[in-house]
Structure formats: structure tokens, C-alpha cells
Amino acid sequence: MILDNPIIKEFEEAGAVLHGHFVLSSGLHSNTYIQCAKIFENPSRAMKVCELLANKIRKELVEPIDLILSPAIGGIIVGYEIGRQLGIRTIFCERVNGKFELRRGFEIKQGEKILLIEDVITTGKSSLEAVKCGEEKGGKVVAEASLIKRSSETKLPFSVISLIELNIQNYSEKELPSELKQLPIMKPGSREYLTK
């Protein structure tokens, strides 16, 4: 991890970088968890971090966007703040019986170009589930942005703009190193998953 990076320092000062044995929403195990919600406890810090991401989006996004779509729950606040800073309509999808759906009167118009916004991308599984939700309603996801991309290995079928890319090691259940096996497991993510 890039410990001398000023953005990581913001996350560390907010208490958002946790160490231990975590089972991520993807079902993978890790010794590091980024709890982006901690950034949003301090509105001025949240605005500052989101402004950095919004500026990066302005520089790197090549086509105009009609709508921001964020998966609940982690993407809601960052999606709203990016939408506010970019002046783009912002909605979120949420899980109903394990599948992302639009609720609360949210709609996507046919052909709308969507920027997907997440707090953290690990494997991209939640992203692809949110893409399916948006595209089933007639939109087209053209890019994704996130505060943190946990791995350069994550590949998605569109460009990803992240404030910072880390290379945090993730492990399957079968690959767990002995030092992680000895630590109590914490499950801080929001998606339902099964572990054996």
C-alpha cells in the first residue's frame, strides 16, 4: 500500500484504514479494509476527497454523462457528492432479495449515459450487478469512478477512474496465509454472502 500518499493519509486520519482479518463483500479475505464511511463523518474532509475525484473525472471522462448511478449503501454519499460537484442528476440502486433494483421513484431514461460511482472497487462484482440494473432500465454505463480501487487486477468492460489505486492482497478461503487464520474474522461489508 502507498503509505506516504496524502490521500491515504486522509483515510488513515479518518480511521478509515483498518487492519485485521476481514471477509469482504466479495467473499474474499484480506488483512486490510477501507471503511470509506469514516471519511464522511467529517463533511469538510468528504468534500475535499470528493472534489479530488470530481476533478479527476472532469479530466479523464471523454463523453458527456446524463446520470450518476450508485449502488447502496457504500456508493450513495460519494455518488451524491460527486453529482453535486459535477451538476449531474444522481440516483442509487439497492438490493431487493439479493438483486439491485431501482426504487423510490427513480427512473432511467432510454439511452441515458451513466457514470457508475462506488466508494471502493474490489472485484467489480457489485459494479457489474449495478450495471445490469441500469442497463435493464435502458441506460448505458460508459464509465465508473470510485474513491478507492483495491487492485490493479480488477478488470471491467469500461474505463475506471479512481482517486487512488492500491494493491491490497485478497485471498480465497483456500489461499489464507497462516497469520490471517489466527486472527478473528470481521465481516464489515454490506452484501450477503456465504462462507464455509
N, C-alpha and C. Protein backbone atom coordinates (compact mmCIF):
# COMPACT_ATOMS: atom_id res chain seq x y z
N MET A 1 0.84 -1.17 0.00
CA MET A 1 0.00 0.00 0.00
C MET A 1 0.90 1.24 0.00
N ILE A 2 0.42 2.34 -0.60
CA ILE A 2 1.20 3.56 -0.74
C ILE A 2 0.98 4.41 0.51
N LEU A 3 1.78 4.19 1.54
CA LEU A 3 1.54 4.82 2.84
C LEU A 3 1.87 6.30 2.88
N ASP A 4 2.76 6.77 1.99
CA ASP A 4 3.13 8.18 2.03
C ASP A 4 2.25 9.05 1.14
N ASN A 5 1.21 8.48 0.54
CA ASN A 5 0.30 9.21 -0.32
C ASN A 5 -0.61 10.11 0.54
N PRO A 6 -0.75 11.40 0.20
CA PRO A 6 -1.58 12.29 1.02
C PRO A 6 -3.05 11.87 1.10
N ILE A 7 -3.55 11.22 0.05
CA ILE A 7 -4.94 10.75 0.08
C ILE A 7 -5.09 9.62 1.10
N ILE A 8 -4.14 8.68 1.09
CA ILE A 8 -4.17 7.60 2.08
C ILE A 8 -4.06 8.17 3.49
N LYS A 9 -3.26 9.22 3.64
CA LYS A 9 -3.14 9.86 4.96
C LYS A 9 -4.48 10.41 5.41
N GLU A 10 -5.26 10.97 4.48
CA GLU A 10 -6.61 11.44 4.83
C GLU A 10 -7.46 10.29 5.34
N PHE A 11 -7.39 9.15 4.66
CA PHE A 11 -8.16 7.99 5.07
C PHE A 11 -7.68 7.46 6.43
N GLU A 12 -6.37 7.44 6.63
CA GLU A 12 -5.83 6.96 7.91
C GLU A 12 -6.22 7.89 9.05
N GLU A 13 -6.13 9.21 8.83
CA GLU A 13 -6.51 10.18 9.86
C GLU A 13 -7.99 10.07 10.21
N ALA A 14 -8.80 9.66 9.25
CA ALA A 14 -10.24 9.49 9.48
C ALA A 14 -10.55 8.16 10.16
N GLY A 15 -9.54 7.30 10.33
CA GLY A 15 -9.78 5.97 10.89
C GLY A 15 -10.42 5.02 9.90
N ALA A 16 -10.23 5.29 8.61
CA ALA A 16 -10.87 4.51 7.56
C ALA A 16 -10.04 3.32 7.07
N VAL A 17 -8.76 3.24 7.47
CA VAL A 17 -7.91 2.12 7.07
C VAL A 17 -7.81 1.18 8.27
N LEU A 18 -8.43 0.02 8.14
CA LEU A 18 -8.49 -0.95 9.24
C LEU A 18 -7.60 -2.15 8.94
N HIS A 19 -7.02 -2.72 9.99
CA HIS A 19 -6.16 -3.89 9.84
C HIS A 19 -6.68 -5.02 10.71
N GLY A 20 -6.61 -6.24 10.20
CA GLY A 20 -7.10 -7.42 10.91
C GLY A 20 -7.37 -8.51 9.89
N HIS A 21 -8.39 -9.33 10.15
CA HIS A 21 -8.80 -10.38 9.21
C HIS A 21 -10.24 -10.09 8.82
N PHE A 22 -10.41 -9.68 7.56
CA PHE A 22 -11.72 -9.27 7.07
C PHE A 22 -12.20 -10.21 5.97
N VAL A 23 -13.51 -10.47 5.97
CA VAL A 23 -14.14 -11.11 4.83
C VAL A 23 -14.88 -9.98 4.12
N LEU A 24 -14.48 -9.71 2.89
CA LEU A 24 -15.04 -8.61 2.10
C LEU A 24 -16.40 -8.99 1.54
N SER A 25 -17.12 -8.01 1.02
CA SER A 25 -18.43 -8.28 0.40
C SER A 25 -18.33 -9.30 -0.72
N SER A 26 -17.18 -9.35 -1.37
CA SER A 26 -16.95 -10.29 -2.47
C SER A 26 -16.79 -11.73 -1.97
N GLY A 27 -16.58 -11.90 -0.65
CA GLY A 27 -16.30 -13.22 -0.09
C GLY A 27 -14.81 -13.49 0.05
N LEU A 28 -13.97 -12.61 -0.52
CA LEU A 28 -12.53 -12.75 -0.38
C LEU A 28 -12.09 -12.28 1.02
N HIS A 29 -10.93 -12.77 1.45
CA HIS A 29 -10.35 -12.40 2.74
C HIS A 29 -9.23 -11.39 2.50
N SER A 30 -9.01 -10.51 3.49
CA SER A 30 -7.95 -9.51 3.39
C SER A 30 -7.49 -9.12 4.78
N ASN A 31 -6.25 -8.61 4.86
CA ASN A 31 -5.76 -8.10 6.14
C ASN A 31 -5.98 -6.59 6.27
N THR A 32 -6.56 -5.97 5.22
CA THR A 32 -6.81 -4.53 5.22
C THR A 32 -8.22 -4.26 4.69
N TYR A 33 -8.91 -3.37 5.38
CA TYR A 33 -10.26 -2.99 4.95
C TYR A 33 -10.32 -1.46 4.91
N ILE A 34 -10.86 -0.91 3.85
CA ILE A 34 -11.03 0.53 3.73
C ILE A 34 -12.50 0.85 4.01
N GLN A 35 -12.76 1.48 5.15
CA GLN A 35 -14.12 1.84 5.56
C GLN A 35 -14.37 3.29 5.15
N CYS A 36 -14.79 3.49 3.89
CA CYS A 36 -14.96 4.84 3.36
C CYS A 36 -16.00 5.64 4.14
N ALA A 37 -16.93 4.99 4.80
CA ALA A 37 -17.94 5.72 5.58
C ALA A 37 -17.29 6.64 6.60
N LYS A 38 -16.12 6.27 7.10
CA LYS A 38 -15.43 7.11 8.09
C LYS A 38 -15.01 8.46 7.52
N ILE A 39 -14.72 8.51 6.23
CA ILE A 39 -14.38 9.77 5.58
C ILE A 39 -15.55 10.75 5.67
N PHE A 40 -16.78 10.22 5.59
CA PHE A 40 -17.97 11.06 5.52
C PHE A 40 -18.47 11.52 6.89
N GLU A 41 -17.78 11.12 7.96
CA GLU A 41 -18.11 11.66 9.28
C GLU A 41 -17.75 13.15 9.37
N ASN A 42 -16.76 13.53 8.59
CA ASN A 42 -16.27 14.91 8.60
C ASN A 42 -16.62 15.53 7.24
N PRO A 43 -17.67 16.37 7.17
CA PRO A 43 -18.11 16.90 5.88
C PRO A 43 -17.02 17.64 5.10
N SER A 44 -16.14 18.39 5.78
CA SER A 44 -15.11 19.12 5.03
C SER A 44 -14.10 18.15 4.42
N ARG A 45 -13.76 17.09 5.15
CA ARG A 45 -12.85 16.07 4.60
C ARG A 45 -13.53 15.37 3.42
N ALA A 46 -14.81 15.04 3.56
CA ALA A 46 -15.55 14.36 2.49
C ALA A 46 -15.60 15.21 1.24
N MET A 47 -15.89 16.52 1.41
CA MET A 47 -15.94 17.42 0.25
C MET A 47 -14.59 17.50 -0.43
N LYS A 48 -13.53 17.57 0.37
CA LYS A 48 -12.17 17.67 -0.18
C LYS A 48 -11.81 16.43 -0.99
N VAL A 49 -12.06 15.25 -0.43
CA VAL A 49 -11.73 13.99 -1.11
C VAL A 49 -12.59 13.84 -2.37
N CYS A 50 -13.89 14.15 -2.27
CA CYS A 50 -14.76 14.03 -3.44
C CYS A 50 -14.41 15.07 -4.51
N GLU A 51 -13.94 16.24 -4.08
CA GLU A 51 -13.52 17.25 -5.06
C GLU A 51 -12.33 16.75 -5.87
N LEU A 52 -11.41 16.06 -5.21
CA LEU A 52 -10.26 15.48 -5.92
C LEU A 52 -10.74 14.47 -6.97
N LEU A 53 -11.71 13.63 -6.58
CA LEU A 53 -12.25 12.65 -7.53
C LEU A 53 -13.03 13.35 -8.65
N ALA A 54 -13.84 14.34 -8.31
CA ALA A 54 -14.62 15.07 -9.33
C ALA A 54 -13.69 15.72 -10.36
N ASN A 55 -12.58 16.30 -9.89
CA ASN A 55 -11.62 16.91 -10.81
C ASN A 55 -10.99 15.87 -11.72
N LYS A 56 -10.71 14.70 -11.17
CA LYS A 56 -10.13 13.62 -11.98
C LYS A 56 -11.14 13.14 -13.03
N ILE A 57 -12.41 13.05 -12.63
CA ILE A 57 -13.46 12.66 -13.57
C ILE A 57 -13.54 13.68 -14.71
N ARG A 58 -13.53 14.96 -14.38
CA ARG A 58 -13.59 16.02 -15.42
C ARG A 58 -12.45 15.87 -16.42
N LYS A 59 -11.26 15.54 -15.93
CA LYS A 59 -10.09 15.41 -16.81
C LYS A 59 -10.12 14.15 -17.66
N GLU A 60 -10.60 13.04 -17.08
CA GLU A 60 -10.46 11.74 -17.75
C GLU A 60 -11.69 11.26 -18.51
N LEU A 61 -12.86 11.76 -18.16
CA LEU A 61 -14.08 11.29 -18.82
C LEU A 61 -14.17 11.90 -20.20
N VAL A 62 -14.32 11.05 -21.22
CA VAL A 62 -14.27 11.55 -22.59
C VAL A 62 -15.64 11.87 -23.18
N GLU A 63 -16.72 11.35 -22.61
CA GLU A 63 -18.03 11.66 -23.17
C GLU A 63 -18.96 12.22 -22.11
N PRO A 64 -19.96 13.01 -22.53
CA PRO A 64 -20.87 13.61 -21.55
C PRO A 64 -21.71 12.53 -20.84
N ILE A 65 -22.06 12.83 -19.61
CA ILE A 65 -22.82 11.90 -18.77
C ILE A 65 -24.18 12.53 -18.46
N ASP A 66 -25.23 11.71 -18.49
CA ASP A 66 -26.57 12.19 -18.17
C ASP A 66 -26.96 11.92 -16.73
N LEU A 67 -26.33 10.89 -16.14
CA LEU A 67 -26.82 10.38 -14.86
C LEU A 67 -25.71 9.70 -14.09
N ILE A 68 -25.72 9.86 -12.77
CA ILE A 68 -24.85 9.08 -11.89
C ILE A 68 -25.71 8.04 -11.20
N LEU A 69 -25.24 6.80 -11.21
CA LEU A 69 -25.91 5.70 -10.52
C LEU A 69 -24.93 5.11 -9.52
N SER A 70 -25.37 4.98 -8.28
CA SER A 70 -24.52 4.41 -7.23
C SER A 70 -25.22 3.23 -6.59
N PRO A 71 -24.47 2.15 -6.31
CA PRO A 71 -25.07 1.04 -5.56
C PRO A 71 -25.11 1.36 -4.07
N ALA A 72 -26.24 1.04 -3.44
CA ALA A 72 -26.38 1.22 -1.99
C ALA A 72 -25.57 0.13 -1.29
N ILE A 73 -25.02 0.39 -0.21
CA ILE A 73 -25.18 1.60 0.56
C ILE A 73 -23.91 2.45 0.45
N GLY A 74 -22.79 1.80 0.21
CA GLY A 74 -21.50 2.49 0.22
C GLY A 74 -21.36 3.59 -0.81
N GLY A 75 -22.02 3.47 -1.95
CA GLY A 75 -21.86 4.46 -3.01
C GLY A 75 -22.78 5.66 -2.91
N ILE A 76 -23.77 5.61 -2.02
CA ILE A 76 -24.79 6.67 -2.02
C ILE A 76 -24.20 8.04 -1.73
N ILE A 77 -23.44 8.18 -0.64
CA ILE A 77 -22.96 9.51 -0.27
C ILE A 77 -21.93 10.02 -1.27
N VAL A 78 -20.99 9.18 -1.66
CA VAL A 78 -19.98 9.63 -2.62
C VAL A 78 -20.64 9.95 -3.96
N GLY A 79 -21.62 9.16 -4.38
CA GLY A 79 -22.35 9.43 -5.62
C GLY A 79 -23.07 10.77 -5.56
N TYR A 80 -23.75 11.03 -4.43
CA TYR A 80 -24.45 12.30 -4.27
C TYR A 80 -23.47 13.48 -4.34
N GLU A 81 -22.37 13.37 -3.61
CA GLU A 81 -21.42 14.50 -3.56
C GLU A 81 -20.76 14.73 -4.92
N ILE A 82 -20.42 13.66 -5.63
CA ILE A 82 -19.86 13.82 -6.98
C ILE A 82 -20.91 14.43 -7.91
N GLY A 83 -22.15 13.96 -7.80
CA GLY A 83 -23.23 14.53 -8.61
C GLY A 83 -23.42 16.02 -8.32
N ARG A 84 -23.34 16.39 -7.05
CA ARG A 84 -23.48 17.80 -6.67
C ARG A 84 -22.36 18.62 -7.29
N GLN A 85 -21.14 18.11 -7.18
CA GLN A 85 -19.99 18.87 -7.69
C GLN A 85 -19.97 18.95 -9.22
N LEU A 86 -20.46 17.91 -9.89
CA LEU A 86 -20.46 17.90 -11.35
C LEU A 86 -21.77 18.45 -11.94
N GLY A 87 -22.79 18.65 -11.09
CA GLY A 87 -24.08 19.13 -11.57
C GLY A 87 -24.83 18.11 -12.39
N ILE A 88 -24.76 16.83 -11.96
CA ILE A 88 -25.39 15.73 -12.70
C ILE A 88 -26.43 15.05 -11.81
N ARG A 89 -27.59 14.77 -12.39
CA ARG A 89 -28.65 14.05 -11.67
C ARG A 89 -28.09 12.74 -11.11
N THR A 90 -28.46 12.42 -9.87
CA THR A 90 -27.86 11.28 -9.16
C THR A 90 -28.94 10.42 -8.52
N ILE A 91 -28.86 9.11 -8.76
CA ILE A 91 -29.79 8.15 -8.15
C ILE A 91 -28.98 6.98 -7.60
N PHE A 92 -29.65 6.09 -6.88
CA PHE A 92 -28.97 4.89 -6.41
C PHE A 92 -29.87 3.67 -6.58
N CYS A 93 -29.23 2.52 -6.68
CA CYS A 93 -29.95 1.26 -6.72
C CYS A 93 -29.68 0.55 -5.40
N GLU A 94 -30.59 -0.32 -5.01
CA GLU A 94 -30.45 -1.04 -3.74
C GLU A 94 -30.88 -2.48 -3.91
N ARG A 95 -30.37 -3.33 -3.03
CA ARG A 95 -30.67 -4.75 -3.13
C ARG A 95 -32.07 -5.06 -2.61
N VAL A 96 -32.81 -5.80 -3.42
CA VAL A 96 -34.11 -6.34 -3.04
C VAL A 96 -34.02 -7.83 -3.33
N ASN A 97 -34.11 -8.64 -2.29
CA ASN A 97 -33.96 -10.10 -2.44
C ASN A 97 -32.67 -10.45 -3.17
N GLY A 98 -31.57 -9.75 -2.83
CA GLY A 98 -30.25 -10.07 -3.36
C GLY A 98 -29.94 -9.50 -4.74
N LYS A 99 -30.85 -8.72 -5.32
CA LYS A 99 -30.64 -8.18 -6.67
C LYS A 99 -30.82 -6.66 -6.64
N PHE A 100 -29.93 -5.93 -7.34
CA PHE A 100 -30.07 -4.48 -7.39
C PHE A 100 -31.31 -4.09 -8.18
N GLU A 101 -32.06 -3.14 -7.61
CA GLU A 101 -33.25 -2.61 -8.27
C GLU A 101 -33.32 -1.11 -8.03
N LEU A 102 -34.05 -0.43 -8.91
CA LEU A 102 -34.36 0.98 -8.68
C LEU A 102 -35.66 1.02 -7.89
N ARG A 103 -35.67 1.84 -6.85
CA ARG A 103 -36.88 2.04 -6.04
C ARG A 103 -37.07 3.53 -5.83
N ARG A 104 -37.96 3.92 -4.96
CA ARG A 104 -38.16 5.31 -4.52
C ARG A 104 -38.51 6.26 -5.66
N GLY A 105 -39.07 5.71 -6.74
CA GLY A 105 -39.46 6.55 -7.86
C GLY A 105 -38.34 6.90 -8.83
N PHE A 106 -37.14 6.34 -8.61
CA PHE A 106 -36.03 6.61 -9.53
C PHE A 106 -36.30 5.97 -10.88
N GLU A 107 -35.91 6.68 -11.94
CA GLU A 107 -36.07 6.17 -13.30
C GLU A 107 -34.82 6.48 -14.12
N ILE A 108 -34.59 5.64 -15.11
CA ILE A 108 -33.52 5.87 -16.08
C ILE A 108 -34.18 5.96 -17.44
N LYS A 109 -33.90 7.05 -18.14
CA LYS A 109 -34.50 7.23 -19.46
C LYS A 109 -33.73 6.42 -20.49
N GLN A 110 -34.43 6.00 -21.51
CA GLN A 110 -33.83 5.22 -22.59
C GLN A 110 -32.64 5.96 -23.18
N GLY A 111 -31.50 5.29 -23.23
CA GLY A 111 -30.30 5.84 -23.85
C GLY A 111 -29.46 6.75 -22.96
N GLU A 112 -29.88 6.99 -21.72
CA GLU A 112 -29.09 7.86 -20.85
C GLU A 112 -27.71 7.26 -20.61
N LYS A 113 -26.70 8.12 -20.68
CA LYS A 113 -25.32 7.68 -20.43
C LYS A 113 -25.06 7.80 -18.93
N ILE A 114 -24.60 6.68 -18.35
CA ILE A 114 -24.47 6.57 -16.90
C ILE A 114 -23.01 6.52 -16.48
N LEU A 115 -22.70 7.29 -15.44
CA LEU A 115 -21.43 7.16 -14.72
C LEU A 115 -21.75 6.43 -13.43
N LEU A 116 -21.20 5.26 -13.27
CA LEU A 116 -21.38 4.47 -12.05
C LEU A 116 -20.39 5.00 -11.01
N ILE A 117 -20.85 5.21 -9.78
CA ILE A 117 -19.96 5.70 -8.71
C ILE A 117 -20.03 4.75 -7.53
N GLU A 118 -18.85 4.30 -7.07
CA GLU A 118 -18.74 3.45 -5.87
C GLU A 118 -17.75 4.07 -4.92
N ASP A 119 -17.80 3.62 -3.67
CA ASP A 119 -16.78 4.07 -2.72
C ASP A 119 -15.50 3.28 -2.93
N VAL A 120 -15.62 1.94 -2.98
CA VAL A 120 -14.46 1.05 -3.14
C VAL A 120 -14.79 -0.01 -4.18
N ILE A 121 -13.85 -0.29 -5.06
CA ILE A 121 -13.99 -1.41 -6.00
C ILE A 121 -12.95 -2.46 -5.61
N THR A 122 -13.44 -3.69 -5.40
CA THR A 122 -12.52 -4.79 -5.10
C THR A 122 -12.46 -5.72 -6.31
N THR A 123 -13.48 -6.55 -6.48
CA THR A 123 -13.50 -7.47 -7.62
C THR A 123 -14.30 -6.92 -8.80
N GLY A 124 -15.16 -5.93 -8.54
CA GLY A 124 -16.04 -5.40 -9.57
C GLY A 124 -17.39 -6.09 -9.63
N LYS A 125 -17.63 -7.05 -8.74
CA LYS A 125 -18.88 -7.80 -8.77
C LYS A 125 -20.09 -6.89 -8.52
N SER A 126 -20.04 -6.05 -7.49
CA SER A 126 -21.15 -5.13 -7.22
C SER A 126 -21.33 -4.17 -8.39
N SER A 127 -20.22 -3.72 -8.96
CA SER A 127 -20.30 -2.81 -10.11
C SER A 127 -21.08 -3.45 -11.25
N LEU A 128 -20.74 -4.69 -11.58
CA LEU A 128 -21.41 -5.36 -12.69
C LEU A 128 -22.88 -5.61 -12.39
N GLU A 129 -23.21 -5.86 -11.13
CA GLU A 129 -24.62 -6.02 -10.75
C GLU A 129 -25.37 -4.70 -10.91
N ALA A 130 -24.73 -3.59 -10.55
CA ALA A 130 -25.36 -2.28 -10.71
C ALA A 130 -25.49 -1.92 -12.20
N VAL A 131 -24.50 -2.29 -13.00
CA VAL A 131 -24.56 -2.07 -14.46
C VAL A 131 -25.78 -2.78 -15.03
N LYS A 132 -25.97 -4.02 -14.62
CA LYS A 132 -27.11 -4.80 -15.12
C LYS A 132 -28.42 -4.09 -14.78
N CYS A 133 -28.53 -3.60 -13.56
CA CYS A 133 -29.73 -2.87 -13.14
C CYS A 133 -29.95 -1.65 -14.03
N GLY A 134 -28.91 -0.84 -14.22
CA GLY A 134 -29.03 0.38 -15.02
C GLY A 134 -29.35 0.11 -16.48
N GLU A 135 -28.71 -0.91 -17.03
CA GLU A 135 -28.90 -1.19 -18.46
C GLU A 135 -30.22 -1.90 -18.74
N GLU A 136 -30.73 -2.65 -17.77
CA GLU A 136 -32.06 -3.25 -17.94
C GLU A 136 -33.14 -2.17 -18.00
N LYS A 137 -32.86 -1.02 -17.43
CA LYS A 137 -33.82 0.10 -17.44
C LYS A 137 -33.62 1.01 -18.64
N GLY A 138 -32.66 0.69 -19.52
CA GLY A 138 -32.49 1.44 -20.75
C GLY A 138 -31.28 2.35 -20.81
N GLY A 139 -30.52 2.44 -19.72
CA GLY A 139 -29.33 3.28 -19.72
C GLY A 139 -28.12 2.55 -20.26
N LYS A 140 -27.01 3.27 -20.37
CA LYS A 140 -25.75 2.68 -20.82
C LYS A 140 -24.63 3.19 -19.92
N VAL A 141 -24.00 2.27 -19.17
CA VAL A 141 -22.88 2.65 -18.32
C VAL A 141 -21.66 2.83 -19.20
N VAL A 142 -21.08 4.04 -19.17
CA VAL A 142 -19.94 4.33 -20.03
C VAL A 142 -18.63 4.40 -19.25
N ALA A 143 -18.72 4.54 -17.92
CA ALA A 143 -17.51 4.58 -17.09
C ALA A 143 -17.91 4.41 -15.64
N GLU A 144 -16.90 4.17 -14.81
CA GLU A 144 -17.12 4.07 -13.37
C GLU A 144 -16.06 4.90 -12.66
N ALA A 145 -16.43 5.48 -11.53
CA ALA A 145 -15.47 6.20 -10.70
C ALA A 145 -15.62 5.73 -9.27
N SER A 146 -14.49 5.72 -8.55
CA SER A 146 -14.51 5.31 -7.15
C SER A 146 -13.43 6.05 -6.38
N LEU A 147 -13.63 6.14 -5.09
CA LEU A 147 -12.58 6.72 -4.25
C LEU A 147 -11.36 5.80 -4.25
N ILE A 148 -11.61 4.51 -4.03
CA ILE A 148 -10.53 3.52 -3.91
C ILE A 148 -10.76 2.36 -4.87
N LYS A 149 -9.73 1.99 -5.59
CA LYS A 149 -9.72 0.73 -6.35
C LYS A 149 -8.67 -0.13 -5.66
N ARG A 150 -9.12 -1.24 -5.08
CA ARG A 150 -8.24 -2.05 -4.23
C ARG A 150 -7.18 -2.83 -4.99
N SER A 151 -7.36 -3.00 -6.30
CA SER A 151 -6.41 -3.84 -7.03
C SER A 151 -6.33 -3.43 -8.49
N SER A 152 -5.13 -3.46 -9.04
CA SER A 152 -4.95 -3.20 -10.47
C SER A 152 -5.42 -4.39 -11.30
N GLU A 153 -5.64 -5.53 -10.64
CA GLU A 153 -6.10 -6.75 -11.32
C GLU A 153 -7.56 -6.66 -11.74
N THR A 154 -8.35 -5.80 -11.10
CA THR A 154 -9.78 -5.71 -11.38
C THR A 154 -9.99 -5.15 -12.78
N LYS A 155 -10.69 -5.91 -13.61
CA LYS A 155 -10.96 -5.51 -14.99
C LYS A 155 -12.46 -5.39 -15.19
N LEU A 156 -12.90 -4.26 -15.74
CA LEU A 156 -14.31 -4.04 -16.04
C LEU A 156 -14.42 -3.64 -17.51
N PRO A 157 -15.61 -3.81 -18.12
CA PRO A 157 -15.75 -3.55 -19.56
C PRO A 157 -15.92 -2.07 -19.93
N PHE A 158 -15.43 -1.17 -19.08
CA PHE A 158 -15.48 0.26 -19.33
C PHE A 158 -14.35 0.88 -18.52
N SER A 159 -14.08 2.15 -18.76
CA SER A 159 -12.97 2.78 -18.03
C SER A 159 -13.34 3.01 -16.57
N VAL A 160 -12.33 2.90 -15.72
CA VAL A 160 -12.50 3.12 -14.28
C VAL A 160 -11.58 4.27 -13.87
N ILE A 161 -12.18 5.26 -13.24
CA ILE A 161 -11.44 6.42 -12.74
C ILE A 161 -11.46 6.31 -11.22
N SER A 162 -10.31 6.10 -10.62
CA SER A 162 -10.28 6.02 -9.16
C SER A 162 -9.36 7.10 -8.62
N LEU A 163 -9.73 7.58 -7.44
CA LEU A 163 -8.91 8.59 -6.80
C LEU A 163 -7.54 8.00 -6.48
N ILE A 164 -7.55 6.77 -6.01
CA ILE A 164 -6.28 6.08 -5.73
C ILE A 164 -6.45 4.59 -5.97
N GLU A 165 -5.42 3.98 -6.53
CA GLU A 165 -5.42 2.53 -6.75
C GLU A 165 -4.39 1.92 -5.81
N LEU A 166 -4.86 0.98 -5.02
CA LEU A 166 -3.98 0.28 -4.08
C LEU A 166 -3.82 -1.15 -4.57
N ASN A 167 -2.82 -1.82 -4.10
CA ASN A 167 -2.69 -3.24 -4.41
C ASN A 167 -2.69 -4.00 -3.10
N ILE A 168 -3.91 -4.11 -2.54
CA ILE A 168 -4.12 -4.82 -1.29
C ILE A 168 -4.37 -6.29 -1.63
N GLN A 169 -3.61 -7.16 -1.03
CA GLN A 169 -3.73 -8.60 -1.31
C GLN A 169 -5.06 -9.12 -0.77
N ASN A 170 -5.77 -9.86 -1.62
CA ASN A 170 -7.00 -10.56 -1.24
C ASN A 170 -6.75 -12.05 -1.37
N TYR A 171 -7.46 -12.84 -0.56
CA TYR A 171 -7.24 -14.29 -0.55
C TYR A 171 -8.58 -15.01 -0.61
N SER A 172 -8.59 -16.12 -1.34
CA SER A 172 -9.75 -17.01 -1.27
C SER A 172 -9.64 -17.80 0.03
N GLU A 173 -10.69 -18.47 0.39
CA GLU A 173 -10.70 -19.30 1.61
C GLU A 173 -9.56 -20.31 1.58
N LYS A 174 -9.27 -20.88 0.41
CA LYS A 174 -8.24 -21.93 0.28
C LYS A 174 -6.82 -21.36 0.36
N GLU A 175 -6.65 -20.06 0.05
CA GLU A 175 -5.31 -19.46 -0.01
C GLU A 175 -4.90 -18.74 1.27
N LEU A 176 -5.71 -18.80 2.30
CA LEU A 176 -5.45 -18.00 3.50
C LEU A 176 -4.07 -18.26 4.10
N PRO A 177 -3.27 -17.20 4.30
CA PRO A 177 -1.99 -17.38 4.98
C PRO A 177 -2.22 -17.69 6.47
N SER A 178 -1.27 -18.38 7.08
CA SER A 178 -1.44 -18.83 8.47
C SER A 178 -1.65 -17.66 9.43
N GLU A 179 -1.00 -16.50 9.18
CA GLU A 179 -1.16 -15.38 10.11
C GLU A 179 -2.59 -14.84 10.10
N LEU A 180 -3.28 -14.91 8.94
CA LEU A 180 -4.68 -14.48 8.90
C LEU A 180 -5.58 -15.50 9.57
N LYS A 181 -5.29 -16.78 9.40
CA LYS A 181 -6.10 -17.83 10.01
C LYS A 181 -6.17 -17.69 11.52
N GLN A 182 -5.13 -17.11 12.12
CA GLN A 182 -5.07 -16.99 13.57
C GLN A 182 -5.86 -15.80 14.12
N LEU A 183 -6.28 -14.88 13.25
CA LEU A 183 -7.00 -13.70 13.69
C LEU A 183 -8.51 -13.91 13.63
N PRO A 184 -9.27 -13.28 14.53
CA PRO A 184 -10.73 -13.37 14.45
C PRO A 184 -11.23 -12.69 13.17
N ILE A 185 -12.26 -13.26 12.58
CA ILE A 185 -12.79 -12.75 11.31
C ILE A 185 -13.81 -11.63 11.58
N MET A 186 -13.66 -10.54 10.84
CA MET A 186 -14.64 -9.45 10.86
C MET A 186 -15.26 -9.36 9.48
N LYS A 187 -16.58 -9.10 9.42
CA LYS A 187 -17.30 -9.03 8.15
C LYS A 187 -17.98 -7.67 8.03
N PRO A 188 -17.23 -6.65 7.63
CA PRO A 188 -17.79 -5.30 7.61
C PRO A 188 -18.60 -4.92 6.37
N GLY A 189 -18.59 -5.73 5.33
CA GLY A 189 -19.28 -5.36 4.08
C GLY A 189 -20.78 -5.44 4.19
N SER A 190 -21.47 -4.95 3.15
CA SER A 190 -22.92 -4.87 3.20
C SER A 190 -23.64 -5.94 2.39
N ARG A 191 -22.94 -6.68 1.53
CA ARG A 191 -23.60 -7.69 0.71
C ARG A 191 -23.70 -9.00 1.47
N GLU A 192 -24.78 -9.72 1.25
CA GLU A 192 -24.92 -11.05 1.85
C GLU A 192 -24.03 -12.03 1.08
N TYR A 193 -23.36 -12.90 1.79
CA TYR A 193 -22.54 -13.92 1.15
C TYR A 193 -22.41 -15.08 2.13
N LEU A 194 -21.98 -16.19 1.63
CA LEU A 194 -21.82 -17.38 2.46
C LEU A 194 -20.34 -17.70 2.59
N THR A 195 -19.93 -18.08 3.79
CA THR A 195 -18.57 -18.58 3.99
C THR A 195 -18.67 -19.97 4.57
N LYS A 196 -17.67 -20.79 4.25
CA LYS A 196 -17.69 -22.18 4.74
C LYS A 196 -16.75 -22.31 5.92
